[in-house]
Protein backbone atom coordinates (compact mmCIF):
# COMPACT_ATOMS: atom_id res chain seq x y z
CA MET A 1 -182.74 133.89 30.83
CA THR A 2 -182.56 137.70 30.52
CA ARG A 3 -178.92 138.07 31.76
CA ALA A 4 -177.88 135.09 30.44
CA ARG A 5 -179.21 135.98 27.05
CA GLU A 6 -177.86 139.51 27.04
CA TYR A 7 -174.40 138.09 28.82
CA THR A 8 -173.71 135.52 25.54
CA ARG A 9 -174.75 138.56 23.19
CA LYS A 10 -172.54 140.81 24.70
CA LYS A 11 -169.66 138.35 24.78
CA GLY A 12 -170.54 136.73 21.63
CA LEU A 13 -170.80 133.35 22.93
CA SER A 14 -173.18 130.43 22.14
CA PHE A 15 -176.18 130.64 24.30
CA TYR A 16 -176.71 127.14 23.94
CA TYR A 17 -172.92 126.21 25.35
CA THR A 18 -173.28 129.01 28.14
CA LEU A 19 -176.50 126.56 28.93
CA ILE A 20 -174.95 123.48 29.09
CA PHE A 21 -172.23 124.50 31.17
CA LEU A 22 -173.94 126.60 33.75
CA SER A 23 -176.76 123.80 34.12
CA VAL A 24 -174.03 120.79 34.50
CA SER A 25 -171.82 122.94 36.75
CA SER A 26 -175.20 123.80 38.58
CA ALA A 27 -175.98 119.69 38.84
CA ASN A 28 -172.60 118.99 39.99
CA MET A 29 -173.31 121.22 43.01
CA ILE A 30 -176.13 119.26 44.12
CA GLU A 31 -174.72 116.00 45.36
CA ASN A 32 -177.83 113.73 44.15
CA TYR A 33 -177.44 114.72 40.70
CA ARG A 34 -174.24 112.45 41.26
CA TYR A 35 -175.24 109.23 42.20
CA ARG A 36 -175.48 106.43 39.87
CA VAL A 37 -175.99 102.34 40.41
CA ARG A 38 -173.33 100.69 39.37
CA ASP A 39 -173.32 96.73 39.83
CA GLY A 40 -176.26 96.49 41.87
CA LYS A 41 -174.43 99.37 44.72
CA VAL A 42 -175.01 103.25 44.85
CA ILE A 43 -171.73 105.19 43.98
CA LEU A 44 -171.44 109.03 43.88
CA HIS A 45 -168.90 110.40 41.20
CA ASP A 46 -167.11 113.72 42.02
CA ILE A 47 -167.89 115.27 38.96
CA ILE A 48 -170.21 114.57 36.38
CA HIS A 49 -169.82 116.02 32.61
CA PRO A 50 -171.95 116.57 29.88
CA THR A 51 -173.31 114.48 26.99
CA PHE A 52 -175.28 116.96 24.36
CA ALA A 53 -176.93 116.71 21.29
CA ASP A 54 -175.69 119.25 18.74
CA LEU A 55 -177.14 120.05 15.36
CA SER A 56 -174.64 118.77 12.19
CA LYS A 57 -173.54 121.69 9.79
CA ASP A 58 -175.62 121.38 6.54
CA SER A 59 -177.63 118.21 8.08
CA GLU A 60 -180.64 118.34 10.25
CA LEU A 61 -179.26 115.72 11.79
CA PHE A 62 -178.34 115.59 15.63
CA LYS A 63 -175.10 113.98 16.90
CA MET A 64 -174.27 113.49 20.41
CA VAL A 65 -171.37 114.73 21.91
CA THR A 66 -169.51 113.70 25.13
CA MET A 67 -167.06 115.82 26.48
CA ASP A 68 -165.06 116.73 30.07
CA MET A 69 -166.22 119.39 31.78
CA ALA A 70 -164.24 122.72 31.80
CA ASP A 71 -163.39 125.21 35.19
CA ASN A 72 -164.86 127.76 33.52
CA LEU A 73 -167.30 129.39 30.73
CA ALA A 74 -165.13 130.69 28.65
CA SER A 75 -163.02 127.53 28.35
CA PHE A 76 -166.37 125.32 28.28
CA VAL A 77 -167.57 127.20 25.36
CA GLU A 78 -164.72 126.91 23.23
CA LYS A 79 -163.73 123.22 24.04
CA ALA A 80 -167.56 122.45 23.27
CA GLY A 81 -167.32 124.02 20.03
CA GLN A 82 -164.07 122.15 19.36
CA ALA A 83 -165.87 118.54 20.25
CA SER A 84 -168.53 119.38 18.16
CA ASP A 85 -166.74 120.46 15.20
CA GLY A 86 -164.26 117.89 14.95
CA GLN A 87 -167.15 114.66 15.89
CA ALA A 88 -168.36 112.72 12.59
CA GLU A 89 -170.10 110.21 14.42
CA TYR A 90 -173.62 110.55 15.51
CA PHE A 91 -173.49 108.17 18.20
CA PRO A 92 -169.91 107.91 20.05
CA GLU A 93 -169.83 104.77 21.71
CA THR A 94 -170.22 106.33 25.83
CA SER A 95 -172.15 102.87 26.62
CA ASP A 96 -169.50 102.58 29.69
CA ARG A 97 -169.94 105.74 31.41
CA ASP A 98 -172.39 106.69 34.01
CA ASP A 99 -170.43 110.38 34.76
CA LEU A 100 -172.60 111.91 32.69
CA ILE A 101 -175.79 114.45 32.70
CA SER A 102 -177.63 114.49 29.03
CA PHE A 103 -178.60 117.70 27.86
CA SER A 104 -180.52 118.85 24.55
CA MET A 105 -182.23 121.61 23.31
CA ILE A 106 -185.80 122.25 21.31
CA PRO A 107 -185.47 125.57 19.96
CA TRP A 108 -187.83 125.95 17.64
CA ILE A 109 -190.56 124.88 20.08
CA ARG A 110 -192.05 126.19 23.60
CA PHE A 111 -193.33 123.48 25.46
CA THR A 112 -195.16 123.37 28.94
CA GLY A 113 -194.43 119.71 29.06
CA LEU A 114 -192.43 117.03 27.15
CA SER A 115 -192.03 113.41 27.16
CA TYR A 116 -189.81 110.89 25.30
CA MET A 117 -190.24 107.06 24.14
CA ALA A 118 -187.23 105.64 25.70
CA ASN A 119 -186.34 102.39 27.49
CA ILE A 120 -184.85 103.76 30.32
CA GLU A 121 -183.66 101.02 32.64
CA ARG A 122 -184.41 101.07 36.50
CA ASN A 123 -180.88 101.67 37.56
CA ASP A 124 -180.29 104.10 34.79
CA ALA A 125 -179.64 107.73 36.79
CA ILE A 126 -178.03 109.75 34.15
CA PRO A 127 -180.38 113.18 34.42
CA ARG A 128 -181.49 113.87 31.12
CA ILE A 129 -182.22 118.15 30.70
CA THR A 130 -184.25 119.35 27.53
CA CYS A 131 -184.86 122.92 27.18
CA GLY A 132 -187.37 124.63 24.52
CA LYS A 133 -187.57 128.01 22.76
CA TYR A 134 -187.15 130.83 25.02
CA TYR A 135 -189.83 133.62 24.82
CA LYS A 136 -190.36 136.92 26.61
CA ASP A 137 -192.87 137.89 29.16
CA ASP A 138 -192.74 141.20 29.73
CA SER A 139 -189.51 142.05 29.99
CA ARG A 140 -187.98 138.89 31.19
CA ILE A 141 -186.71 135.97 28.87
CA LEU A 142 -187.94 132.58 30.09
CA LEU A 143 -186.72 129.28 28.96
CA PRO A 144 -188.83 126.04 29.72
CA PHE A 145 -186.88 123.24 31.32
CA ASN A 146 -187.59 119.64 31.21
CA PHE A 147 -186.09 117.06 33.61
CA GLN A 148 -186.28 113.37 33.55
CA VAL A 149 -184.55 111.57 36.43
CA ASN A 150 -184.27 108.52 38.26
CA HIS A 151 -186.70 109.52 41.95
CA LEU A 152 -184.40 107.09 43.79
CA PHE A 153 -181.97 110.19 44.07
CA ILE A 154 -183.66 113.22 42.72
CA ASP A 155 -186.57 114.36 43.76
CA GLY A 156 -188.57 117.51 44.00
CA ILE A 157 -186.62 119.40 46.56
CA HIS A 158 -183.02 118.75 44.24
CA LEU A 159 -185.03 120.06 41.44
CA ALA A 160 -185.91 123.01 43.24
CA ARG A 161 -182.14 123.61 44.46
CA PHE A 162 -181.11 123.29 40.49
CA LYS A 163 -183.38 126.05 39.61
CA GLU A 164 -182.21 128.60 42.52
CA ILE A 165 -178.59 127.77 41.71
CA LEU A 166 -178.89 127.97 37.93
CA GLU A 167 -180.75 131.11 38.81
CA SER A 168 -177.59 132.49 41.34
CA ARG A 169 -175.26 131.46 38.37
CA ILE A 170 -176.79 133.58 35.74
CA ASP A 171 -177.30 136.57 37.96
CA GLY A 172 -173.67 136.38 38.56
CA LEU A 173 -172.93 136.46 35.22
CA LEU A 174 -173.30 140.34 34.98
C-alpha cells in the first residue's frame, strides 16, 4: 500500500475511497467475482458495484453506501463522497441487488484474521472485503485484507489473482 498511500496524500484523495475503487475495479477484472446465484441458476454480471460502510459525520454509527462503479479513480472518489454525504439512511434497501461487492475498513485495528457473526445463505455469493489498520514494515506500508467469499465461485487462485491485479494497479498510480 506504500504507493497508494503516497499517491492519495499527493493528490489529496481519500485513501479509503481510493482503496474501494482499486479493489472493486480489480475484482471486476476477474470473472469469478461477478458470478451470483439467482433463482437456482448461476448468472454472470458484466460489472459489480461497491456497497461500503462509511462513518456518519458527528457520530460513531456507520451507514452502508451503495453506488454505481465509476470509470476512473477521481470520478469515483468524488461520487463516493457525495453519495455518503447525501445519504441519511443507515441501511438503505438493497436486498434486491446481487451485483455488489461489500467493502469495509477497520482502520483502528491491525489484524491477522477476522470473522463475522453472519447468517449468510448458501446461495449468497456477494464477496465481502474488510481491511484493517495499515502499518509500516521497514519502508513499506502494509494493509491486512480479510475476504469472505462463496467457495463455489472463488478459490485461492482467484484471491491470488485479485492480489496481483490490485498490486499492479497500485504500482500504476505513480
